[in-house]
PDB file of all heavy atoms in Angstrom:
ATOM      1  N   LEU A   1       5.872  -2.922   2.678  1.00  0.00           N
ATOM      2  CA  LEU A   1       5.985  -3.598   3.954  1.00  0.00           C
ATOM      3  C   LEU A   1       6.129  -5.090   3.621  1.00  0.00           C
ATOM      4  O   LEU A   1       5.274  -5.688   2.933  1.00  0.00           O
ATOM      5  CB  LEU A   1       4.737  -3.364   4.796  1.00  0.00           C
ATOM      6  CG  LEU A   1       4.688  -4.064   6.134  1.00  0.00           C
ATOM      7  CD1 LEU A   1       5.843  -3.661   7.053  1.00  0.00           C
ATOM      8  CD2 LEU A   1       3.344  -3.846   6.806  1.00  0.00           C
ATOM      9  N   ASP A   2       7.188  -5.713   4.107  1.00  0.00           N
ATOM     10  CA  ASP A   2       7.452  -7.159   3.899  1.00  0.00           C
ATOM     11  C   ASP A   2       7.355  -7.494   2.423  1.00  0.00           C
ATOM     12  O   ASP A   2       6.656  -8.445   2.044  1.00  0.00           O
ATOM     13  CB  ASP A   2       6.489  -7.989   4.712  1.00  0.00           C
ATOM     14  CG  ASP A   2       6.626  -7.739   6.204  1.00  0.00           C
ATOM     15  OD1 ASP A   2       7.762  -7.459   6.628  1.00  0.00           O
ATOM     16  OD2 ASP A   2       5.586  -7.852   6.902  1.00  0.00           O
ATOM     17  N   SER A   3       8.003  -6.731   1.560  1.00  0.00           N
ATOM     18  CA  SER A   3       8.063  -6.930   0.100  1.00  0.00           C
ATOM     19  C   SER A   3       6.691  -6.763  -0.600  1.00  0.00           C
ATOM     20  O   SER A   3       6.534  -7.211  -1.695  1.00  0.00           O
ATOM     21  CB  SER A   3       8.602  -8.332  -0.226  1.00  0.00           C
ATOM     22  OG  SER A   3       9.903  -8.429   0.294  1.00  0.00           O
ATOM     23  N   LYS A   4       5.746  -6.190   0.049  1.00  0.00           N
ATOM     24  CA  LYS A   4       4.425  -5.913  -0.550  1.00  0.00           C
ATOM     25  C   LYS A   4       4.231  -4.394  -0.660  1.00  0.00           C
ATOM     26  O   LYS A   4       4.758  -3.624   0.144  1.00  0.00           O
ATOM     27  CB  LYS A   4       3.298  -6.526   0.295  1.00  0.00           C
ATOM     28  CG  LYS A   4       3.381  -8.048   0.374  1.00  0.00           C
ATOM     29  CD  LYS A   4       3.226  -8.702  -0.990  1.00  0.00           C
ATOM     30  CE  LYS A   4       3.305 -10.199  -0.899  1.00  0.00           C
ATOM     31  NZ  LYS A   4       3.105 -10.869  -2.174  1.00  0.00           N
ATOM     32  N   CYS A   5       3.444  -3.980  -1.638  1.00  0.00           N
ATOM     33  CA  CYS A   5       3.246  -2.563  -1.954  1.00  0.00           C
ATOM     34  C   CYS A   5       1.745  -2.172  -1.828  1.00  0.00           C
ATOM     35  O   CYS A   5       0.888  -3.004  -2.087  1.00  0.00           O
ATOM     36  CB  CYS A   5       3.682  -2.231  -3.340  1.00  0.00           C
ATOM     37  SG  CYS A   5       5.419  -2.650  -3.650  1.00  0.00           S
ATOM     38  N   GLY A   6       1.496  -0.938  -1.555  1.00  0.00           N
ATOM     39  CA  GLY A   6       0.175  -0.360  -1.539  1.00  0.00           C
ATOM     40  C   GLY A   6       0.246   1.162  -1.444  1.00  0.00           C
ATOM     41  O   GLY A   6       1.350   1.730  -1.598  1.00  0.00           O
ATOM     42  N   TYR A   7      -0.831   1.807  -1.152  1.00  0.00           N
ATOM     43  CA  TYR A   7      -0.917   3.235  -0.993  1.00  0.00           C
ATOM     44  C   TYR A   7      -1.658   3.599   0.271  1.00  0.00           C
ATOM     45  O   TYR A   7      -2.653   2.943   0.604  1.00  0.00           O
ATOM     46  CB  TYR A   7      -1.618   3.906  -2.178  1.00  0.00           C
ATOM     47  CG  TYR A   7      -0.714   4.132  -3.412  1.00  0.00           C
ATOM     48  CD1 TYR A   7      -0.563   3.187  -4.413  1.00  0.00           C
ATOM     49  CD2 TYR A   7      -0.031   5.344  -3.548  1.00  0.00           C
ATOM     50  CE1 TYR A   7       0.237   3.402  -5.482  1.00  0.00           C
ATOM     51  CE2 TYR A   7       0.767   5.596  -4.646  1.00  0.00           C
ATOM     52  CZ  TYR A   7       0.906   4.604  -5.602  1.00  0.00           C
ATOM     53  OH  TYR A   7       1.694   4.849  -6.750  1.00  0.00           O
ATOM     54  N   VAL A   8      -1.236   4.693   0.931  1.00  0.00           N
ATOM     55  CA  VAL A   8      -1.927   5.217   2.060  1.00  0.00           C
ATOM     56  C   VAL A   8      -2.271   6.714   1.824  1.00  0.00           C
ATOM     57  O   VAL A   8      -1.633   7.356   0.993  1.00  0.00           O
ATOM     58  CB  VAL A   8      -1.105   5.126   3.391  1.00  0.00           C
ATOM     59  CG1 VAL A   8      -0.875   3.659   3.766  1.00  0.00           C
ATOM     60  CG2 VAL A   8       0.223   5.843   3.260  1.00  0.00           C
ATOM     61  N   SER A   9      -3.281   7.188   2.553  1.00  0.00           N
ATOM     62  CA  SER A   9      -3.675   8.594   2.457  1.00  0.00           C
ATOM     63  C   SER A   9      -3.000   9.398   3.548  1.00  0.00           C
ATOM     64  O   SER A   9      -2.404   8.821   4.474  1.00  0.00           O
ATOM     65  CB  SER A   9      -5.222   8.719   2.578  1.00  0.00           C
ATOM     66  OG  SER A   9      -5.605   8.481   3.887  1.00  0.00           O
ATOM     67  N   LYS A  10      -3.108  10.712   3.474  1.00  0.00           N
ATOM     68  CA  LYS A  10      -2.480  11.612   4.420  1.00  0.00           C
ATOM     69  C   LYS A  10      -3.123  11.496   5.813  1.00  0.00           C
ATOM     70  O   LYS A  10      -2.588  11.960   6.788  1.00  0.00           O
ATOM     71  CB  LYS A  10      -2.607  13.052   3.993  1.00  0.00           C
ATOM     72  CG  LYS A  10      -1.624  13.427   2.922  1.00  0.00           C
ATOM     73  CD  LYS A  10      -1.676  14.892   2.598  1.00  0.00           C
ATOM     74  CE  LYS A  10      -0.606  15.274   1.618  1.00  0.00           C
ATOM     75  NZ  LYS A  10      -0.583  16.699   1.308  1.00  0.00           N
ATOM     76  N   ILE A  11      -4.288  10.838   5.936  1.00  0.00           N
ATOM     77  CA  ILE A  11      -4.896  10.673   7.232  1.00  0.00           C
ATOM     78  C   ILE A  11      -4.599   9.304   7.808  1.00  0.00           C
ATOM     79  O   ILE A  11      -5.131   8.871   8.815  1.00  0.00           O
ATOM     80  CB  ILE A  11      -6.428  10.930   7.207  1.00  0.00           C
ATOM     81  CG1 ILE A  11      -7.120   9.978   6.210  1.00  0.00           C
ATOM     82  CG2 ILE A  11      -6.711  12.390   6.866  1.00  0.00           C
ATOM     83  CD1 ILE A  11      -8.652  10.017   6.310  1.00  0.00           C
ATOM     84  N   GLY A  12      -3.743   8.544   7.097  1.00  0.00           N
ATOM     85  CA  GLY A  12      -3.305   7.241   7.606  1.00  0.00           C
ATOM     86  C   GLY A  12      -4.150   6.066   7.127  1.00  0.00           C
ATOM     87  O   GLY A  12      -3.891   4.926   7.575  1.00  0.00           O
ATOM     88  N   LYS A  13      -5.112   6.301   6.270  1.00  0.00           N
ATOM     89  CA  LYS A  13      -5.952   5.203   5.815  1.00  0.00           C
ATOM     90  C   LYS A  13      -5.251   4.446   4.658  1.00  0.00           C
ATOM     91  O   LYS A  13      -4.716   5.045   3.727  1.00  0.00           O
ATOM     92  CB  LYS A  13      -7.288   5.812   5.280  1.00  0.00           C
ATOM     93  CG  LYS A  13      -8.227   4.760   4.761  1.00  0.00           C
ATOM     94  CD  LYS A  13      -9.480   5.389   4.240  1.00  0.00           C
ATOM     95  CE  LYS A  13     -10.361   4.285   3.674  1.00  0.00           C
ATOM     96  NZ  LYS A  13     -11.324   4.803   2.695  1.00  0.00           N
ATOM     97  N   GLU A  14      -5.282   3.120   4.781  1.00  0.00           N
ATOM     98  CA  GLU A  14      -4.736   2.291   3.717  1.00  0.00           C
ATOM     99  C   GLU A  14      -5.761   2.323   2.563  1.00  0.00           C
ATOM    100  O   GLU A  14      -6.849   1.757   2.672  1.00  0.00           O
ATOM    101  CB  GLU A  14      -4.531   0.854   4.203  1.00  0.00           C
ATOM    102  CG  GLU A  14      -3.819  -0.011   3.226  1.00  0.00           C
ATOM    103  CD  GLU A  14      -3.544  -1.399   3.773  1.00  0.00           C
ATOM    104  OE1 GLU A  14      -2.531  -1.595   4.447  1.00  0.00           O
ATOM    105  OE2 GLU A  14      -4.411  -2.297   3.547  1.00  0.00           O
ATOM    106  N   VAL A  15      -5.436   2.997   1.484  1.00  0.00           N
ATOM    107  CA  VAL A  15      -6.336   3.160   0.338  1.00  0.00           C
ATOM    108  C   VAL A  15      -6.218   1.976  -0.627  1.00  0.00           C
ATOM    109  O   VAL A  15      -7.247   1.411  -1.055  1.00  0.00           O
ATOM    110  CB  VAL A  15      -6.066   4.478  -0.391  1.00  0.00           C
ATOM    111  CG1 VAL A  15      -7.009   4.647  -1.578  1.00  0.00           C
ATOM    112  CG2 VAL A  15      -6.204   5.667   0.576  1.00  0.00           C
ATOM    113  N   ILE A  16      -4.970   1.602  -0.947  1.00  0.00           N
ATOM    114  CA  ILE A  16      -4.721   0.423  -1.780  1.00  0.00           C
ATOM    115  C   ILE A  16      -4.063  -0.578  -0.835  1.00  0.00           C
ATOM    116  O   ILE A  16      -3.013  -0.290  -0.277  1.00  0.00           O
ATOM    117  CB  ILE A  16      -3.772   0.760  -2.954  1.00  0.00           C
ATOM    118  CG1 ILE A  16      -4.274   1.984  -3.742  1.00  0.00           C
ATOM    119  CG2 ILE A  16      -3.593  -0.483  -3.840  1.00  0.00           C
ATOM    120  CD1 ILE A  16      -5.567   1.827  -4.474  1.00  0.00           C
ATOM    121  N   SER A  17      -4.685  -1.737  -0.664  1.00  0.00           N
ATOM    122  CA  SER A  17      -4.141  -2.727   0.253  1.00  0.00           C
ATOM    123  C   SER A  17      -2.637  -3.009   0.004  1.00  0.00           C
ATOM    124  O   SER A  17      -2.243  -3.134  -1.149  1.00  0.00           O
ATOM    125  CB  SER A  17      -4.892  -4.034   0.103  1.00  0.00           C
ATOM    126  OG  SER A  17      -6.232  -3.885   0.521  1.00  0.00           O
ATOM    127  N   VAL A  18      -1.905  -3.118   1.064  1.00  0.00           N
ATOM    128  CA  VAL A  18      -0.480  -3.443   0.969  1.00  0.00           C
ATOM    129  C   VAL A  18      -0.385  -4.952   0.814  1.00  0.00           C
ATOM    130  O   VAL A  18      -0.034  -5.686   1.767  1.00  0.00           O
ATOM    131  CB  VAL A  18       0.283  -2.873   2.229  1.00  0.00           C
ATOM    132  CG1 VAL A  18       1.774  -3.166   2.080  1.00  0.00           C
ATOM    133  CG2 VAL A  18       0.026  -1.409   2.418  1.00  0.00           C
ATOM    134  N   LYS A  19      -0.669  -5.379  -0.431  1.00  0.00           N
ATOM    135  CA  LYS A  19      -0.667  -6.814  -0.704  1.00  0.00           C
ATOM    136  C   LYS A  19      -0.007  -7.142  -2.050  1.00  0.00           C
ATOM    137  O   LYS A  19       0.184  -8.305  -2.344  1.00  0.00           O
ATOM    138  CB  LYS A  19      -2.083  -7.325  -0.683  1.00  0.00           C
ATOM    139  CG  LYS A  19      -2.964  -6.846  -1.807  1.00  0.00           C
ATOM    140  CD  LYS A  19      -4.353  -7.522  -1.782  1.00  0.00           C
ATOM    141  CE  LYS A  19      -5.155  -7.130  -3.026  1.00  0.00           C
ATOM    142  NZ  LYS A  19      -6.476  -7.815  -2.981  1.00  0.00           N
ATOM    143  N   TYR A  20       0.302  -6.131  -2.838  1.00  0.00           N
ATOM    144  CA  TYR A  20       0.780  -6.339  -4.181  1.00  0.00           C
ATOM    145  C   TYR A  20       2.303  -6.507  -4.218  1.00  0.00           C
ATOM    146  O   TYR A  20       3.011  -5.885  -3.441  1.00  0.00           O
ATOM    147  CB  TYR A  20       0.359  -5.204  -5.104  1.00  0.00           C
ATOM    148  CG  TYR A  20      -1.138  -5.153  -5.249  1.00  0.00           C
ATOM    149  CD1 TYR A  20      -1.899  -4.210  -4.542  1.00  0.00           C
ATOM    150  CD2 TYR A  20      -1.801  -6.061  -6.071  1.00  0.00           C
ATOM    151  CE1 TYR A  20      -3.248  -4.151  -4.639  1.00  0.00           C
ATOM    152  CE2 TYR A  20      -3.218  -5.972  -6.163  1.00  0.00           C
ATOM    153  CZ  TYR A  20      -3.919  -5.066  -5.456  1.00  0.00           C
ATOM    154  OH  TYR A  20      -5.295  -5.018  -5.536  1.00  0.00           O
ATOM    155  N   ASP A  21       2.787  -7.391  -5.115  1.00  0.00           N
ATOM    156  CA  ASP A  21       4.248  -7.573  -5.268  1.00  0.00           C
ATOM    157  C   ASP A  21       4.863  -6.343  -5.936  1.00  0.00           C
ATOM    158  O   ASP A  21       6.014  -6.038  -5.710  1.00  0.00           O
ATOM    159  CB  ASP A  21       4.497  -8.790  -6.131  1.00  0.00           C
ATOM    160  CG  ASP A  21       3.960 -10.053  -5.564  1.00  0.00           C
ATOM    161  OD1 ASP A  21       3.966 -10.192  -4.326  1.00  0.00           O
ATOM    162  OD2 ASP A  21       3.489 -10.953  -6.302  1.00  0.00           O
ATOM    163  N   TRP A  22       4.090  -5.626  -6.747  1.00  0.00           N
ATOM    164  CA  TRP A  22       4.536  -4.413  -7.402  1.00  0.00           C
ATOM    165  C   TRP A  22       3.329  -3.567  -7.701  1.00  0.00           C
ATOM    166  O   TRP A  22       2.233  -4.094  -7.936  1.00  0.00           O
ATOM    167  CB  TRP A  22       5.264  -4.782  -8.726  1.00  0.00           C
ATOM    168  CG  TRP A  22       5.702  -3.609  -9.522  1.00  0.00           C
ATOM    169  CD1 TRP A  22       6.879  -2.928  -9.366  1.00  0.00           C
ATOM    170  CD2 TRP A  22       4.991  -2.954 -10.555  1.00  0.00           C
ATOM    171  NE1 TRP A  22       6.913  -1.873 -10.247  1.00  0.00           N
ATOM    172  CE2 TRP A  22       5.736  -1.903 -11.007  1.00  0.00           C
ATOM    173  CE3 TRP A  22       3.745  -3.181 -11.161  1.00  0.00           C
ATOM    174  CZ2 TRP A  22       5.360  -1.054 -12.004  1.00  0.00           C
ATOM    175  CZ3 TRP A  22       3.338  -2.298 -12.139  1.00  0.00           C
ATOM    176  CH2 TRP A  22       4.130  -1.265 -12.571  1.00  0.00           C
ATOM    177  N   ILE A  23       3.499  -2.267  -7.666  1.00  0.00           N
ATOM    178  CA  ILE A  23       2.427  -1.345  -8.004  1.00  0.00           C
ATOM    179  C   ILE A  23       3.057  -0.135  -8.676  1.00  0.00           C
ATOM    180  O   ILE A  23       4.109   0.358  -8.243  1.00  0.00           O
ATOM    181  CB  ILE A  23       1.588  -0.957  -6.798  1.00  0.00           C
ATOM    182  CG1 ILE A  23       0.334  -0.188  -7.160  1.00  0.00           C
ATOM    183  CG2 ILE A  23       2.397  -0.164  -5.782  1.00  0.00           C
ATOM    184  CD1 ILE A  23      -0.714  -0.077  -6.030  1.00  0.00           C
ATOM    185  N   GLY A  24       2.403   0.341  -9.734  1.00  0.00           N
ATOM    186  CA  GLY A  24       2.895   1.528 -10.446  1.00  0.00           C
ATOM    187  C   GLY A  24       2.271   2.785  -9.891  1.00  0.00           C
ATOM    188  O   GLY A  24       1.495   2.803  -8.957  1.00  0.00           O
TER     189      GLY A  24
END
């Protein structure tokens, strides 16, 4: 989102904040 990366769970919870420029 807006050039930032993160991870979400199947229930819609943001698990890894969508704040990183890159994430593996």
